[in-house]
PDB file of N, CA and C in Angstrom:
ATOM      1  N   MET A   1      -7.661  20.591  18.819  1.00  0.00           N
ATOM      2  CA  MET A   1      -8.105  19.896  17.762  1.00  0.00           C
ATOM      3  C   MET A   1      -9.668  20.106  18.117  1.00  0.00           C
ATOM      4  N   SER A   2     -10.228  20.340  16.937  1.00  0.00           N
ATOM      5  CA  SER A   2     -11.782  20.711  16.869  1.00  0.00           C
ATOM      6  C   SER A   2     -12.341  19.303  17.159  1.00  0.00           C
ATOM      7  N   SER A   3     -13.520  19.674  17.482  1.00  0.00           N
ATOM      8  CA  SER A   3     -14.485  18.330  17.554  1.00  0.00           C
ATOM      9  C   SER A   3     -14.706  17.689  16.151  1.00  0.00           C
ATOM     10  N   GLU A   4     -14.791  18.335  14.998  1.00  0.00           N
ATOM     11  CA  GLU A   4     -14.810  17.840  13.556  1.00  0.00           C
ATOM     12  C   GLU A   4     -13.421  16.926  13.414  1.00  0.00           C
ATOM     13  N   SER A   5     -12.647  17.540  13.478  1.00  0.00           N
ATOM     14  CA  SER A   5     -11.090  17.079  13.531  1.00  0.00           C
ATOM     15  C   SER A   5     -10.855  15.733  14.279  1.00  0.00           C
ATOM     16  N   THR A   6     -11.314  15.632  15.696  1.00  0.00           N
ATOM     17  CA  THR A   6     -11.415  14.689  16.495  1.00  0.00           C
ATOM     18  C   THR A   6     -12.283  13.563  15.808  1.00  0.00           C
ATOM     19  N   ARG A   7     -13.506  13.934  15.390  1.00  0.00           N
ATOM     20  CA  ARG A   7     -14.360  12.867  14.713  1.00  0.00           C
ATOM     21  C   ARG A   7     -13.769  12.135  13.681  1.00  0.00           C
ATOM     22  N   LEU A   8     -13.099  13.058  12.918  1.00  0.00           N
ATOM     23  CA  LEU A   8     -12.699  12.253  11.533  1.00  0.00           C
ATOM     24  C   LEU A   8     -11.346  11.451  12.006  1.00  0.00           C
ATOM     25  N   THR A   9     -10.662  11.914  13.008  1.00  0.00           N
ATOM     26  CA  THR A   9      -9.584  11.030  13.407  1.00  0.00           C
ATOM     27  C   THR A   9      -9.971   9.774  14.101  1.00  0.00           C
ATOM     28  N   SER A  10     -11.043   9.703  14.924  1.00  0.00           N
ATOM     29  CA  SER A  10     -11.711   8.602  15.368  1.00  0.00           C
ATOM     30  C   SER A  10     -12.037   7.626  14.188  1.00  0.00           C
ATOM     31  N   GLU A  11     -12.900   7.972  13.345  1.00  0.00           N
ATOM     32  CA  GLU A  11     -13.359   7.242  12.362  1.00  0.00           C
ATOM     33  C   GLU A  11     -12.260   6.898  11.469  1.00  0.00           C
ATOM     34  N   ALA A  12     -11.358   7.561  11.141  1.00  0.00           N
ATOM     35  CA  ALA A  12     -10.236   6.881  10.240  1.00  0.00           C
ATOM     36  C   ALA A  12      -9.386   5.859  11.101  1.00  0.00           C
ATOM     37  N   ILE A  13      -9.199   6.102  12.366  1.00  0.00           N
ATOM     38  CA  ILE A  13      -8.714   4.990  13.148  1.00  0.00           C
ATOM     39  C   ILE A  13      -9.533   3.710  13.248  1.00  0.00           C
ATOM     40  N   THR A  14     -10.837   3.948  13.389  1.00  0.00           N
ATOM     41  CA  THR A  14     -11.659   2.630  13.355  1.00  0.00           C
ATOM     42  C   THR A  14     -11.602   1.948  12.158  1.00  0.00           C
ATOM     43  N   LEU A  15     -11.896   2.622  10.979  1.00  0.00           N
ATOM     44  CA  LEU A  15     -11.843   2.292   9.730  1.00  0.00           C
ATOM     45  C   LEU A  15     -10.306   1.228   9.257  1.00  0.00           C
ATOM     46  N   SER A  16      -9.173   2.111   9.458  1.00  0.00           N
ATOM     47  CA  SER A  16      -8.069   1.442   9.313  1.00  0.00           C
ATOM     48  C   SER A  16      -7.977   0.072  10.098  1.00  0.00           C
ATOM     49  N   ALA A  17      -8.416   0.134  11.462  1.00  0.00           N
ATOM     50  CA  ALA A  17      -8.099  -1.203  12.491  1.00  0.00           C
ATOM     51  C   ALA A  17      -9.029  -2.220  11.732  1.00  0.00           C
ATOM     52  N   ALA A  18     -10.232  -1.801  11.130  1.00  0.00           N
ATOM     53  CA  ALA A  18     -11.133  -2.809  10.621  1.00  0.00           C
ATOM     54  C   ALA A  18     -10.668  -3.356   9.290  1.00  0.00           C
ATOM     55  N   ALA A  19     -10.034  -2.305   8.630  1.00  0.00           N
ATOM     56  CA  ALA A  19      -9.286  -2.680   7.281  1.00  0.00           C
ATOM     57  C   ALA A  19      -8.410  -3.899   7.623  1.00  0.00           C
ATOM     58  N   VAL A  20      -7.518  -3.494   8.458  1.00  0.00           N
ATOM     59  CA  VAL A  20      -6.340  -4.437   8.729  1.00  0.00           C
ATOM     60  C   VAL A  20      -6.700  -5.705   9.320  1.00  0.00           C
ATOM     61  N   LEU A  21      -7.681  -5.784  10.188  1.00  0.00           N
ATOM     62  CA  LEU A  21      -8.103  -6.752  10.909  1.00  0.00           C
ATOM     63  C   LEU A  21      -8.756  -7.700   9.383  1.00  0.00           C
ATOM     64  N   ASN A  22      -9.826  -7.327   8.876  1.00  0.00           N
ATOM     65  CA  ASN A  22     -10.277  -8.171   7.292  1.00  0.00           C
ATOM     66  C   ASN A  22      -9.136  -8.577   6.462  1.00  0.00           C
ATOM     67  N   ALA A  23      -8.131  -7.757   6.447  1.00  0.00           N
ATOM     68  CA  ALA A  23      -7.168  -8.323   5.524  1.00  0.00           C
ATOM     69  C   ALA A  23      -6.386  -9.365   6.094  1.00  0.00           C
ATOM     70  N   LEU A  24      -6.120  -9.288   7.289  1.00  0.00           N
ATOM     71  CA  LEU A  24      -5.396 -10.195   8.175  1.00  0.00           C
ATOM     72  C   LEU A  24      -6.068 -11.559   8.082  1.00  0.00           C
ATOM     73  N   ILE A  25      -7.381 -11.597   8.312  1.00  0.00           N
ATOM     74  CA  ILE A  25      -8.451 -12.862   8.281  1.00  0.00           C
ATOM     75  C   ILE A  25      -8.329 -13.375   6.767  1.00  0.00           C
ATOM     76  N   SER A  26      -8.306 -12.399   5.960  1.00  0.00           N
ATOM     77  CA  SER A  26      -8.332 -12.978   4.488  1.00  0.00           C
ATOM     78  C   SER A  26      -6.832 -13.434   4.095  1.00  0.00           C
ATOM     79  N   VAL A  27      -5.929 -12.947   4.587  1.00  0.00           N
ATOM     80  CA  VAL A  27      -4.364 -13.399   4.044  1.00  0.00           C
ATOM     81  C   VAL A  27      -4.196 -14.764   4.707  1.00  0.00           C
ATOM     82  N   LEU A  28      -4.770 -15.010   6.122  1.00  0.00           N
ATOM     83  CA  LEU A  28      -4.770 -16.198   6.568  1.00  0.00           C
ATOM     84  C   LEU A  28      -5.405 -17.108   5.934  1.00  0.00           C
ATOM     85  N   GLY A  29      -6.536 -17.007   5.653  1.00  0.00           N
ATOM     86  CA  GLY A  29      -7.234 -17.971   4.759  1.00  0.00           C
ATOM     87  C   GLY A  29      -6.682 -18.435   3.508  1.00  0.00           C
ATOM     88  N   ASN A  30      -6.366 -17.126   2.630  1.00  0.00           N
ATOM     89  CA  ASN A  30      -5.628 -17.550   1.378  1.00  0.00           C
ATOM     90  C   ASN A  30      -4.270 -18.532   1.409  1.00  0.00           C
ATOM     91  N   LYS A  31      -3.575 -18.303   2.607  1.00  0.00           N
ATOM     92  CA  LYS A  31      -2.594 -19.044   2.764  1.00  0.00           C
ATOM     93  C   LYS A  31      -2.876 -20.460   3.255  1.00  0.00           C
ATOM     94  N   GLY A  32      -4.140 -20.465   3.570  1.00  0.00           N
ATOM     95  CA  GLY A  32      -4.628 -21.802   4.271  1.00  0.00           C
ATOM     96  C   GLY A  32      -4.294 -22.256   5.646  1.00  0.00           C
ATOM     97  N   LEU A  33      -3.890 -21.241   6.435  1.00  0.00           N
ATOM     98  CA  LEU A  33      -3.960 -21.262   7.793  1.00  0.00           C
ATOM     99  C   LEU A  33      -4.904 -21.052   8.648  1.00  0.00           C
ATOM    100  N   LEU A  34      -6.049 -20.684   7.795  1.00  0.00           N
ATOM    101  CA  LEU A  34      -7.666 -20.617   8.298  1.00  0.00           C
ATOM    102  C   LEU A  34      -8.127 -21.193   7.332  1.00  0.00           C
ATOM    103  N   SER A  35      -9.073 -22.145   7.668  1.00  0.00           N
ATOM    104  CA  SER A  35     -10.234 -22.624   6.793  1.00  0.00           C
ATOM    105  C   SER A  35     -11.177 -21.735   6.711  1.00  0.00           C
ATOM    106  N   ALA A  36     -12.015 -22.432   5.560  1.00  0.00           N
ATOM    107  CA  ALA A  36     -13.131 -21.264   5.298  1.00  0.00           C
ATOM    108  C   ALA A  36     -14.418 -21.328   6.615  1.00  0.00           C
ATOM    109  N   ASP A  37     -14.293 -22.225   7.240  1.00  0.00           N
ATOM    110  CA  ASP A  37     -15.403 -22.589   8.402  1.00  0.00           C
ATOM    111  C   ASP A  37     -14.402 -21.540   9.435  1.00  0.00           C
ATOM    112  N   GLU A  38     -13.328 -21.666   9.798  1.00  0.00           N
ATOM    113  CA  GLU A  38     -12.626 -20.937  10.782  1.00  0.00           C
ATOM    114  C   GLU A  38     -12.675 -19.654  10.485  1.00  0.00           C
ATOM    115  N   GLU A  39     -12.728 -18.810   9.155  1.00  0.00           N
ATOM    116  CA  GLU A  39     -12.711 -17.507   8.792  1.00  0.00           C
ATOM    117  C   GLU A  39     -14.114 -17.209   9.155  1.00  0.00           C
ATOM    118  N   ARG A  40     -15.125 -18.145   9.101  1.00  0.00           N
ATOM    119  CA  ARG A  40     -16.555 -17.858   9.397  1.00  0.00           C
ATOM    120  C   ARG A  40     -16.667 -17.601  10.731  1.00  0.00           C
ATOM    121  N   GLU A  41     -15.935 -18.358  11.626  1.00  0.00           N
ATOM    122  CA  GLU A  41     -16.043 -18.476  13.034  1.00  0.00           C
ATOM    123  C   GLU A  41     -15.343 -17.229  13.501  1.00  0.00           C
ATOM    124  N   VAL A  42     -14.562 -16.559  12.957  1.00  0.00           N
ATOM    125  CA  VAL A  42     -13.927 -15.312  13.549  1.00  0.00           C
ATOM    126  C   VAL A  42     -15.068 -14.300  13.351  1.00  0.00           C
ATOM    127  N   TYR A  43     -15.652 -14.320  12.037  1.00  0.00           N
ATOM    128  CA  TYR A  43     -16.835 -13.251  12.143  1.00  0.00           C
ATOM    129  C   TYR A  43     -17.738 -13.606  12.757  1.00  0.00           C
ATOM    130  N   GLN A  44     -18.361 -14.820  13.030  1.00  0.00           N
ATOM    131  CA  GLN A  44     -19.566 -14.940  13.841  1.00  0.00           C
ATOM    132  C   GLN A  44     -19.343 -14.600  15.168  1.00  0.00           C
ATOM    133  N   ALA A  45     -17.972 -14.870  15.832  1.00  0.00           N
ATOM    134  CA  ALA A  45     -17.616 -14.244  17.231  1.00  0.00           C
ATOM    135  C   ALA A  45     -17.712 -12.802  17.330  1.00  0.00           C
ATOM    136  N   ALA A  46     -17.331 -12.073  16.253  1.00  0.00           N
ATOM    137  CA  ALA A  46     -17.189 -10.661  16.132  1.00  0.00           C
ATOM    138  C   ALA A  46     -18.794 -10.111  16.126  1.00  0.00           C
ATOM    139  N   ALA A  47     -19.573 -10.874  15.373  1.00  0.00           N
ATOM    140  CA  ALA A  47     -21.406 -10.682  15.470  1.00  0.00           C
ATOM    141  C   ALA A  47     -21.718 -10.976  16.819  1.00  0.00           C
ATOM    142  N   GLU A  48     -21.446 -11.914  17.219  1.00  0.00           N
ATOM    143  CA  GLU A  48     -21.923 -12.461  18.705  1.00  0.00           C
ATOM    144  C   GLU A  48     -21.568 -10.889  19.943  1.00  0.00           C
ATOM    145  N   LEU A  49     -20.177 -10.722  19.767  1.00  0.00           N
ATOM    146  CA  LEU A  49     -19.609  -9.726  20.473  1.00  0.00           C
ATOM    147  C   LEU A  49     -20.362  -8.135  20.378  1.00  0.00           C
ATOM    148  N   ILE A  50     -20.784  -7.983  19.204  1.00  0.00           N
ATOM    149  CA  ILE A  50     -21.646  -6.742  18.662  1.00  0.00           C
ATOM    150  C   ILE A  50     -23.107  -7.059  19.501  1.00  0.00           C
ATOM    151  N   ASP A  51     -23.460  -8.171  19.108  1.00  0.00           N
ATOM    152  CA  ASP A  51     -24.752  -8.447  19.671  1.00  0.00           C
ATOM    153  C   ASP A  51     -24.747  -8.223  21.532  1.00  0.00           C
ATOM    154  N   ALA A  52     -23.535  -8.775  22.014  1.00  0.00           N
ATOM    155  CA  ALA A  52     -23.872  -8.768  23.349  1.00  0.00           C
ATOM    156  C   ALA A  52     -23.683  -7.100  23.791  1.00  0.00           C
ATOM    157  N   ALA A  53     -23.011  -6.310  22.965  1.00  0.00           N
ATOM    158  CA  ALA A  53     -22.701  -4.886  23.326  1.00  0.00           C
ATOM    159  C   ALA A  53     -23.729  -3.824  22.686  1.00  0.00           C
ATOM    160  N   SER A  54     -24.552  -4.300  21.976  1.00  0.00           N
ATOM    161  CA  SER A  54     -25.503  -3.405  21.505  1.00  0.00           C
ATOM    162  C   SER A  54     -26.645  -2.645  22.064  1.00  0.00           C
ATOM    163  N   GLY A  55     -26.866  -3.219  23.363  1.00  0.00           N
ATOM    164  CA  GLY A  55     -27.916  -2.249  24.298  1.00  0.00           C
ATOM    165  C   GLY A  55     -29.023  -2.090  23.333  1.00  0.00           C
ATOM    166  N   ASP A  56     -29.435  -0.712  23.569  1.00  0.00           N
ATOM    167  CA  ASP A  56     -30.438  -0.233  22.973  1.00  0.00           C
ATOM    168  C   ASP A  56     -30.439   0.255  21.615  1.00  0.00           C
ATOM    169  N   ASP A  57     -29.207   0.293  21.239  1.00  0.00           N
ATOM    170  CA  ASP A  57     -28.593   0.654  19.523  1.00  0.00           C
ATOM    171  C   ASP A  57     -29.584   1.625  19.243  1.00  0.00           C
ATOM    172  N   GLU A  58     -29.826   2.921  19.661  1.00  0.00           N
ATOM    173  CA  GLU A  58     -30.595   3.930  19.352  1.00  0.00           C
ATOM    174  C   GLU A  58     -30.338   4.273  17.932  1.00  0.00           C
ATOM    175  N   ASP A  59     -29.001   4.488  17.443  1.00  0.00           N
ATOM    176  CA  ASP A  59     -28.834   4.928  16.201  1.00  0.00           C
ATOM    177  C   ASP A  59     -28.535   4.248  15.107  1.00  0.00           C
ATOM    178  N   GLY A  60     -28.709   2.533  15.418  1.00  0.00           N
ATOM    179  CA  GLY A  60     -28.570   1.585  14.561  1.00  0.00           C
ATOM    180  C   GLY A  60     -27.299   0.992  14.051  1.00  0.00           C
ATOM    181  N   THR A  61     -26.042   1.924  14.813  1.00  0.00           N
ATOM    182  CA  THR A  61     -24.752   1.673  14.461  1.00  0.00           C
ATOM    183  C   THR A  61     -24.245   0.217  14.832  1.00  0.00           C
ATOM    184  N   TYR A  62     -24.730  -0.444  15.859  1.00  0.00           N
ATOM    185  CA  TYR A  62     -24.556  -1.968  16.013  1.00  0.00           C
ATOM    186  C   TYR A  62     -25.233  -2.742  15.006  1.00  0.00           C
ATOM    187  N   GLU A  63     -26.450  -2.369  14.675  1.00  0.00           N
ATOM    188  CA  GLU A  63     -27.301  -3.180  13.577  1.00  0.00           C
ATOM    189  C   GLU A  63     -26.329  -3.019  12.110  1.00  0.00           C
ATOM    190  N   LEU A  64     -25.940  -2.026  11.835  1.00  0.00           N
ATOM    191  CA  LEU A  64     -25.486  -1.857  10.522  1.00  0.00           C
ATOM    192  C   LEU A  64     -23.843  -2.518  10.645  1.00  0.00           C
ATOM    193  N   ALA A  65     -23.095  -2.366  11.902  1.00  0.00           N
ATOM    194  CA  ALA A  65     -22.035  -3.259  11.933  1.00  0.00           C
ATOM    195  C   ALA A  65     -22.288  -4.773  11.663  1.00  0.00           C
ATOM    196  N   ARG A  66     -22.951  -5.240  12.343  1.00  0.00           N
ATOM    197  CA  ARG A  66     -23.719  -6.601  12.199  1.00  0.00           C
ATOM    198  C   ARG A  66     -23.931  -7.052  10.877  1.00  0.00           C
ATOM    199  N   GLU A  67     -24.800  -6.191  10.090  1.00  0.00           N
ATOM    200  CA  GLU A  67     -24.883  -6.407   8.682  1.00  0.00           C
ATOM    201  C   GLU A  67     -23.677  -6.259   7.894  1.00  0.00           C
ATOM    202  N   LEU A  68     -22.845  -5.528   7.957  1.00  0.00           N
ATOM    203  CA  LEU A  68     -21.574  -5.732   7.319  1.00  0.00           C
ATOM    204  C   LEU A  68     -20.705  -6.863   7.436  1.00  0.00           C
ATOM    205  N   ILE A  69     -20.572  -7.238   8.906  1.00  0.00           N
ATOM    206  CA  ILE A  69     -20.099  -8.789   9.078  1.00  0.00           C
ATOM    207  C   ILE A  69     -20.821  -9.877   8.298  1.00  0.00           C
ATOM    208  N   GLU A  70     -22.338  -9.808   8.595  1.00  0.00           N
ATOM    209  CA  GLU A  70     -22.887 -11.115   7.652  1.00  0.00           C
ATOM    210  C   GLU A  70     -22.600 -10.730   6.377  1.00  0.00           C
ATOM    211  N   LEU A  71     -22.263  -9.659   5.622  1.00  0.00           N
ATOM    212  CA  LEU A  71     -22.274  -9.723   4.228  1.00  0.00           C
ATOM    213  C   LEU A  71     -20.547 -10.260   3.867  1.00  0.00           C
ATOM    214  N   ARG A  72     -19.680 -10.032   5.059  1.00  0.00           N
ATOM    215  CA  ARG A  72     -18.285 -10.265   4.588  1.00  0.00           C
ATOM    216  C   ARG A  72     -18.642 -11.960   4.796  1.00  0.00           C
ATOM    217  N   MET A  73     -19.234 -12.526   5.894  1.00  0.00           N
ATOM    218  CA  MET A  73     -19.455 -13.832   6.001  1.00  0.00           C
ATOM    219  C   MET A  73     -20.126 -14.723   4.741  1.00  0.00           C
ATOM    220  N   ALA A  74     -21.120 -14.111   4.146  1.00  0.00           N
ATOM    221  CA  ALA A  74     -21.677 -14.656   3.108  1.00  0.00           C
ATOM    222  C   ALA A  74     -20.563 -14.771   1.842  1.00  0.00           C
ATOM    223  N   ASP A  75     -19.273 -13.956   1.870  1.00  0.00           N
ATOM    224  CA  ASP A  75     -18.333 -14.020   0.911  1.00  0.00           C
ATOM    225  C   ASP A  75     -17.544 -14.899   0.955  1.00  0.00           C
ATOM    226  N   ILE A  76     -17.434 -15.760   2.174  1.00  0.00           N
ATOM    227  CA  ILE A  76     -16.395 -16.544   2.387  1.00  0.00           C
ATOM    228  C   ILE A  76     -16.924 -17.831   1.627  1.00  0.00           C
TER     229      ILE A  76
END
């Protein structure tokens, strides 16, 4: 497998996992199994995990991930 193919596969796996998790949280909220506060709590915990793992974050990946989570929390 070429390095480009490996990169694309890795990005596809990451994107699909994030989409499934986001959908799961939304479905649980829509079914009333999670309150809006609980949905926010899940995303807040994720943001805190990102903060803890971010280190130097030279390329801004962690910062962007945190911003995306904050946008999702604002939609709840």
